[in-house]
Amino acid sequence: MGKIDLFAEAQARHEGFYIDGSIAQRLNNPGNIIFGELAKKHGAAKFWKHPRTGHEFAIFPKAENGWDALIELITNACTGKSKIYSPDWTILQYCTKYSPVRNSKGQVIPNYSYANDVAKRAGVSINTEIKDLLDNIITMKNYHLFAHMDRNLVRKGDKVIKYVTPIGTVGDGNGQYYAHLHFSISNGLSPAQLKAYISGWSKAKVQKFYKDPRGIDFKKMFGTKMDVGNFGYDWLQWVGYGWHPGVDVNGLRGGNTDFGMPFKSSCDGIVIDGWRGWTKNHGWGNTIIISED
């Protein structure tokens, strides 16, 4: 995954794209890009005018159009093709121009809040020059995500062995669903990005960051034959707001008959993230993420 992609994702998060009902989400505009030639190039034909600021935010036909526009905007800034941003500017300078704030005298001042948040999410410094995002590829390991569990049997830092180490039991997302295990394998996403999910993503974007998990031997994971993607959602099945990035794994009798079924790790690796509790946890319930060796 390139740093430009990470930086675009960081901007989208700061702009509130993943918050239900936000301006960015409603307009299919992850970066809250102003209506203009770039937006028109990527399919925007009209805008929404903010009642307080007067900003005219582009309305894109699909979220993928908005993503493409944001990626091009950042790439142009990095390569010197932008008429607004210089590739020699720091992240702080870029963010100040992108989202200006003013003091009591009406003077534009550095937007540290925007820059610090975006830089932290993207894994760079606010003093990084924008051109340094270009062609800077981050190699990330495969992450195996297990969700909706009843019990977590491992903790962050634990090492696990493929088809040997028990890691959890099937749950219902703390009362949200019929019992099943949500399972996915990703590459290029942080744990936070994984749990932000795929709302508004194109199928191509899901395929870019997720791998088909159906090559896993679920019989070895569970010690018995399982249903994969029939009782629940299958790999790349449309779920109403995006393309399912993994598979739902169920016992063969359906319903909640598989609640509490234990399962083992799908890979050799180390537990890098986990959540356990009794709340819905934004739809995830109890989770475990393992970094594959």
Protein backbone atom coordinates (compact mmCIF):
# COMPACT_ATOMS: atom_id res chain seq x y z
CA MET A 1 0.00 0.00 0.00
CA GLY A 2 1.42 3.39 -0.96
CA LYS A 3 1.67 6.29 1.44
CA ILE A 4 -0.56 8.32 -0.86
CA ASP A 5 -3.32 5.74 -0.28
CA LEU A 6 -2.73 5.87 3.47
CA PHE A 7 -2.70 9.65 3.43
CA ALA A 8 -5.98 9.77 1.49
CA GLU A 9 -7.52 7.34 3.99
CA ALA A 10 -6.26 9.54 6.84
CA GLN A 11 -7.81 12.65 5.28
CA ALA A 12 -11.11 10.84 4.76
CA ARG A 13 -11.19 9.86 8.41
CA HIS A 14 -10.48 13.40 9.53
CA GLU A 15 -13.23 14.68 7.22
CA GLY A 16 -15.70 12.25 8.84
CA PHE A 17 -16.31 10.04 5.81
CA TYR A 18 -16.89 6.94 7.96
CA ILE A 19 -19.39 8.65 10.24
CA ASP A 20 -22.96 7.75 9.32
CA GLY A 21 -24.80 10.72 7.86
CA SER A 22 -21.73 12.97 7.62
CA ILE A 23 -21.40 15.48 4.80
CA ALA A 24 -18.50 13.56 3.26
CA GLN A 25 -20.46 10.29 3.31
CA ARG A 26 -23.70 11.78 1.99
CA LEU A 27 -21.87 13.46 -0.92
CA ASN A 28 -19.71 10.40 -1.75
CA ASN A 29 -16.83 12.81 -1.19
CA PRO A 30 -14.25 11.29 1.23
CA GLY A 31 -12.03 14.37 1.16
CA ASN A 32 -14.81 16.99 1.10
CA ILE A 33 -13.30 18.27 -2.16
CA ILE A 34 -14.56 21.60 -3.43
CA PHE A 35 -16.53 21.52 -6.69
CA GLY A 36 -14.26 22.39 -9.61
CA GLU A 37 -12.44 20.98 -12.62
CA LEU A 38 -10.94 18.04 -10.73
CA ALA A 39 -14.29 17.06 -9.27
CA LYS A 40 -15.97 17.37 -12.68
CA LYS A 41 -13.27 15.14 -14.18
CA HIS A 42 -14.31 12.41 -11.76
CA GLY A 43 -18.03 12.63 -12.41
CA ALA A 44 -19.28 15.39 -10.12
CA ALA A 45 -21.98 17.43 -11.87
CA LYS A 46 -23.26 19.50 -8.95
CA PHE A 47 -22.39 20.63 -5.46
CA TRP A 48 -23.83 21.13 -1.99
CA LYS A 49 -23.30 24.56 -0.45
CA HIS A 50 -22.52 24.55 3.25
CA PRO A 51 -25.02 26.90 4.96
CA ARG A 52 -22.47 28.24 7.43
CA THR A 53 -19.16 28.38 5.55
CA GLY A 54 -20.47 28.78 2.02
CA HIS A 55 -18.11 26.06 0.76
CA GLU A 56 -19.38 24.29 -2.35
CA PHE A 57 -18.59 20.61 -1.81
CA ALA A 58 -18.68 18.33 -4.85
CA ILE A 59 -21.34 15.63 -5.06
CA PHE A 60 -19.91 12.48 -6.66
CA PRO A 61 -22.11 9.77 -8.21
CA LYS A 62 -20.32 7.04 -6.23
CA ALA A 63 -17.84 6.97 -3.37
CA GLU A 64 -15.20 5.41 -5.65
CA ASN A 65 -15.34 8.56 -7.82
CA GLY A 66 -14.70 10.66 -4.75
CA TRP A 67 -11.78 8.42 -3.74
CA ASP A 68 -10.25 8.69 -7.21
CA ALA A 69 -10.52 12.48 -7.09
CA LEU A 70 -8.86 12.65 -3.67
CA ILE A 71 -6.02 10.35 -4.77
CA GLU A 72 -5.41 12.47 -7.88
CA LEU A 73 -5.44 15.69 -5.83
CA ILE A 74 -2.76 14.34 -3.48
CA THR A 75 -0.73 12.84 -6.34
CA ASN A 76 -0.79 16.15 -8.20
CA ALA A 77 0.43 17.90 -5.05
CA CYS A 78 3.30 15.40 -4.77
CA THR A 79 4.38 15.67 -8.41
CA GLY A 80 4.13 19.41 -8.95
CA LYS A 81 1.09 19.17 -11.23
CA SER A 82 -1.13 21.02 -8.78
CA LYS A 83 -1.85 24.73 -9.28
CA ILE A 84 -2.57 25.06 -5.55
CA TYR A 85 -0.03 22.91 -3.66
CA SER A 86 3.75 22.69 -3.93
CA PRO A 87 5.57 19.33 -3.63
CA ASP A 88 8.11 21.04 -1.34
CA TRP A 89 5.45 21.97 1.18
CA THR A 90 5.29 20.11 4.46
CA ILE A 91 2.23 18.17 5.53
CA LEU A 92 1.44 21.07 7.86
CA GLN A 93 1.54 23.56 4.98
CA TYR A 94 -0.55 21.28 2.77
CA CYS A 95 -3.20 20.79 5.47
CA THR A 96 -3.28 24.50 6.27
CA LYS A 97 -4.01 25.27 2.61
CA TYR A 98 -6.45 22.38 2.27
CA SER A 99 -8.45 23.32 5.36
CA PRO A 100 -7.53 26.87 6.43
CA VAL A 101 -8.29 28.22 9.88
CA ARG A 102 -8.12 31.86 10.93
CA ASN A 103 -7.37 33.75 14.11
CA SER A 104 -9.48 36.52 15.62
CA LYS A 105 -7.97 38.99 13.15
CA GLY A 106 -8.98 36.91 10.16
CA GLN A 107 -5.43 35.81 9.42
CA VAL A 108 -4.77 32.24 8.23
CA ILE A 109 -2.78 30.34 10.84
CA PRO A 110 -1.21 26.83 10.72
CA ASN A 111 -3.86 24.14 11.04
CA TYR A 112 -2.04 21.95 13.55
CA SER A 113 -5.21 20.07 14.51
CA TYR A 114 -5.83 18.83 10.97
CA ALA A 115 -2.15 18.18 10.21
CA ASN A 116 -1.39 16.33 13.45
CA ASP A 117 -4.41 14.06 13.11
CA VAL A 118 -3.85 13.22 9.42
CA ALA A 119 -0.09 12.75 9.83
CA LYS A 120 -0.55 10.43 12.80
CA ARG A 121 -3.09 8.32 10.95
CA ALA A 122 -0.84 8.15 7.87
CA GLY A 123 2.30 7.33 9.88
CA VAL A 124 4.26 10.44 8.87
CA SER A 125 5.41 13.67 10.50
CA ILE A 126 3.75 17.04 9.94
CA ASN A 127 7.20 18.17 8.77
CA THR A 128 7.32 15.52 6.03
CA GLU A 129 7.39 17.14 2.60
CA ILE A 130 4.34 16.22 0.56
CA LYS A 131 6.52 14.94 -2.31
CA ASP A 132 7.92 12.27 0.04
CA LEU A 133 4.55 10.48 -0.08
CA LEU A 134 5.23 9.58 -3.71
CA ASP A 135 6.25 6.00 -4.50
CA ASN A 136 6.81 5.26 -0.83
CA ILE A 137 5.37 1.78 -0.52
CA ILE A 138 4.72 0.20 2.84
CA THR A 139 5.05 -3.57 2.98
CA MET A 140 2.56 -5.01 5.40
CA LYS A 141 1.89 -8.55 6.50
CA ASN A 142 -1.39 -10.38 6.10
CA TYR A 143 -3.79 -9.66 8.93
CA HIS A 144 -6.34 -12.33 9.89
CA LEU A 145 -9.45 -10.80 11.48
CA PHE A 146 -11.86 -12.83 13.63
CA ALA A 147 -15.04 -11.10 14.80
CA HIS A 148 -18.42 -11.47 16.58
CA MET A 149 -16.87 -13.98 18.99
CA ASP A 150 -18.24 -15.11 22.34
CA ARG A 151 -14.85 -15.64 23.98
CA ASN A 152 -11.31 -14.54 23.18
CA LEU A 153 -8.80 -17.17 24.27
CA VAL A 154 -5.64 -15.21 23.37
CA ARG A 155 -4.37 -11.73 24.08
CA LYS A 156 -2.26 -9.13 22.32
CA GLY A 157 1.33 -10.35 22.08
CA ASP A 158 0.49 -14.06 22.17
CA LYS A 159 2.11 -16.25 19.52
CA VAL A 160 -0.15 -18.70 17.74
CA ILE A 161 0.37 -21.81 15.61
CA LYS A 162 -1.73 -22.59 12.52
CA TYR A 163 -4.52 -25.10 13.22
CA VAL A 164 -3.02 -25.78 16.67
CA THR A 165 -3.59 -22.80 19.00
CA PRO A 166 -7.22 -22.32 20.23
CA ILE A 167 -7.97 -18.60 19.91
CA GLY A 168 -11.71 -18.13 20.46
CA THR A 169 -15.29 -19.36 20.31
CA VAL A 170 -18.13 -18.49 17.94
CA GLY A 171 -20.44 -15.75 19.15
CA ASP A 172 -23.28 -13.52 18.04
CA GLY A 173 -21.64 -10.09 18.23
CA ASN A 174 -22.98 -9.73 21.78
CA GLY A 175 -26.57 -10.29 20.73
CA GLN A 176 -26.51 -8.57 17.33
CA TYR A 177 -26.71 -11.53 14.94
CA TYR A 178 -27.28 -15.25 14.64
CA ALA A 179 -24.07 -16.92 15.79
CA HIS A 180 -21.26 -17.05 13.24
CA LEU A 181 -17.59 -16.19 12.83
CA HIS A 182 -16.73 -13.26 10.58
CA PHE A 183 -13.31 -14.00 9.09
CA SER A 184 -11.14 -12.03 6.67
CA ILE A 185 -7.54 -11.80 5.45
CA SER A 186 -6.25 -8.34 4.53
CA ASN A 187 -2.99 -6.77 3.41
CA GLY A 188 -2.21 -3.06 3.52
CA LEU A 189 -4.71 -2.00 6.19
CA SER A 190 -4.03 -1.08 9.79
CA PRO A 191 -6.20 -2.58 12.56
CA ALA A 192 -8.08 0.72 12.78
CA GLN A 193 -8.71 0.72 9.04
CA LEU A 194 -9.85 -2.89 9.18
CA LYS A 195 -12.43 -2.12 11.84
CA ALA A 196 -13.63 0.98 9.96
CA TYR A 197 -14.87 -1.55 7.39
CA ILE A 198 -15.75 -1.17 3.69
CA SER A 199 -18.84 1.05 3.53
CA GLY A 200 -18.83 2.84 0.19
CA TRP A 201 -15.84 0.93 -1.20
CA SER A 202 -15.84 -0.31 -4.78
CA LYS A 203 -15.41 -4.04 -5.36
CA ALA A 204 -11.99 -3.30 -6.91
CA LYS A 205 -10.86 -1.52 -3.74
CA VAL A 206 -11.97 -4.42 -1.55
CA GLN A 207 -10.06 -6.83 -3.79
CA LYS A 208 -7.00 -4.58 -3.57
CA PHE A 209 -6.78 -4.79 0.21
CA TYR A 210 -8.42 -8.14 1.00
CA LYS A 211 -7.58 -11.68 -0.05
CA ASP A 212 -10.02 -14.48 -0.82
CA PRO A 213 -10.06 -16.38 2.52
CA ARG A 214 -11.71 -19.53 1.18
CA GLY A 215 -8.35 -21.28 0.82
CA ILE A 216 -8.21 -21.72 4.59
CA ASP A 217 -8.96 -25.25 5.81
CA PHE A 218 -11.89 -24.46 8.09
CA LYS A 219 -12.31 -28.13 8.97
CA LYS A 220 -8.86 -28.03 10.57
CA MET A 221 -9.68 -24.71 12.25
CA PHE A 222 -12.87 -26.04 13.85
CA GLY A 223 -12.15 -29.75 14.01
CA THR A 224 -15.29 -30.48 11.98
CA LYS A 225 -16.82 -29.58 8.64
CA MET A 226 -18.27 -26.05 8.53
CA ASP A 227 -20.52 -23.98 6.31
CA VAL A 228 -18.62 -21.15 4.63
CA GLY A 229 -20.57 -18.29 3.06
CA ASN A 230 -23.93 -20.04 2.60
CA PHE A 231 -25.82 -19.47 5.84
CA GLY A 232 -24.07 -16.09 6.11
CA TYR A 233 -22.29 -13.76 3.71
CA ASP A 234 -19.75 -15.10 1.24
CA TRP A 235 -16.56 -13.53 -0.14
CA LEU A 236 -17.37 -10.37 -2.17
CA GLN A 237 -21.12 -10.75 -1.69
CA TRP A 238 -23.05 -7.47 -1.78
CA VAL A 239 -24.28 -6.62 1.74
CA GLY A 240 -26.33 -3.51 1.00
CA TYR A 241 -23.61 -0.90 1.53
CA GLY A 242 -20.47 -2.62 0.20
CA TRP A 243 -18.82 -5.86 -0.85
CA HIS A 244 -18.23 -8.40 1.90
CA PRO A 245 -14.44 -8.60 2.45
CA GLY A 246 -14.43 -12.01 4.09
CA VAL A 247 -16.65 -14.99 4.83
CA ASP A 248 -19.16 -15.90 7.52
CA VAL A 249 -18.43 -19.33 9.00
CA ASN A 250 -21.23 -21.37 10.54
CA GLY A 251 -21.92 -24.82 11.91
CA LEU A 252 -23.88 -27.09 9.57
CA ARG A 253 -27.13 -26.93 11.57
CA GLY A 254 -27.52 -23.14 11.33
CA GLY A 255 -29.26 -20.79 13.71
CA ASN A 256 -27.42 -20.44 17.00
CA THR A 257 -26.46 -24.12 17.23
CA ASP A 258 -22.81 -23.16 16.64
CA PHE A 259 -22.72 -20.63 19.48
CA GLY A 260 -19.67 -21.32 21.65
CA MET A 261 -17.91 -23.56 19.13
CA PRO A 262 -14.14 -23.30 19.66
CA PHE A 263 -11.75 -22.70 16.78
CA LYS A 264 -8.00 -22.51 16.22
CA SER A 265 -5.74 -20.00 14.50
CA SER A 266 -5.80 -19.87 10.70
CA CYS A 267 -2.09 -19.00 10.52
CA ASP A 268 1.23 -18.92 12.33
CA GLY A 269 1.70 -15.46 13.78
CA ILE A 270 1.24 -13.07 16.65
CA VAL A 271 -1.88 -11.42 18.08
CA ILE A 272 -1.58 -7.67 17.42
CA ASP A 273 -5.04 -6.46 18.39
CA GLY A 274 -8.11 -7.62 20.25
CA TRP A 275 -11.27 -6.38 21.91
CA ARG A 276 -13.39 -8.14 24.51
CA GLY A 277 -16.44 -6.89 26.34
CA TRP A 278 -20.23 -7.00 26.40
CA THR A 279 -21.18 -4.09 24.14
CA LYS A 280 -21.78 -4.11 20.38
CA ASN A 281 -18.37 -2.50 19.66
CA HIS A 282 -19.66 -0.79 16.49
CA GLY A 283 -21.06 -4.06 15.17
CA TRP A 284 -17.92 -6.11 15.73
CA GLY A 285 -18.47 -7.57 19.18
CA ASN A 286 -15.35 -9.38 20.42
CA THR A 287 -12.46 -9.37 17.94
CA ILE A 288 -8.96 -10.70 17.41
CA ILE A 289 -6.43 -9.67 14.74
CA ILE A 290 -3.40 -11.86 14.04
CA SER A 291 -0.39 -10.77 11.99
CA GLU A 292 0.67 -13.71 9.85
CA ASP A 293 4.34 -14.76 9.97
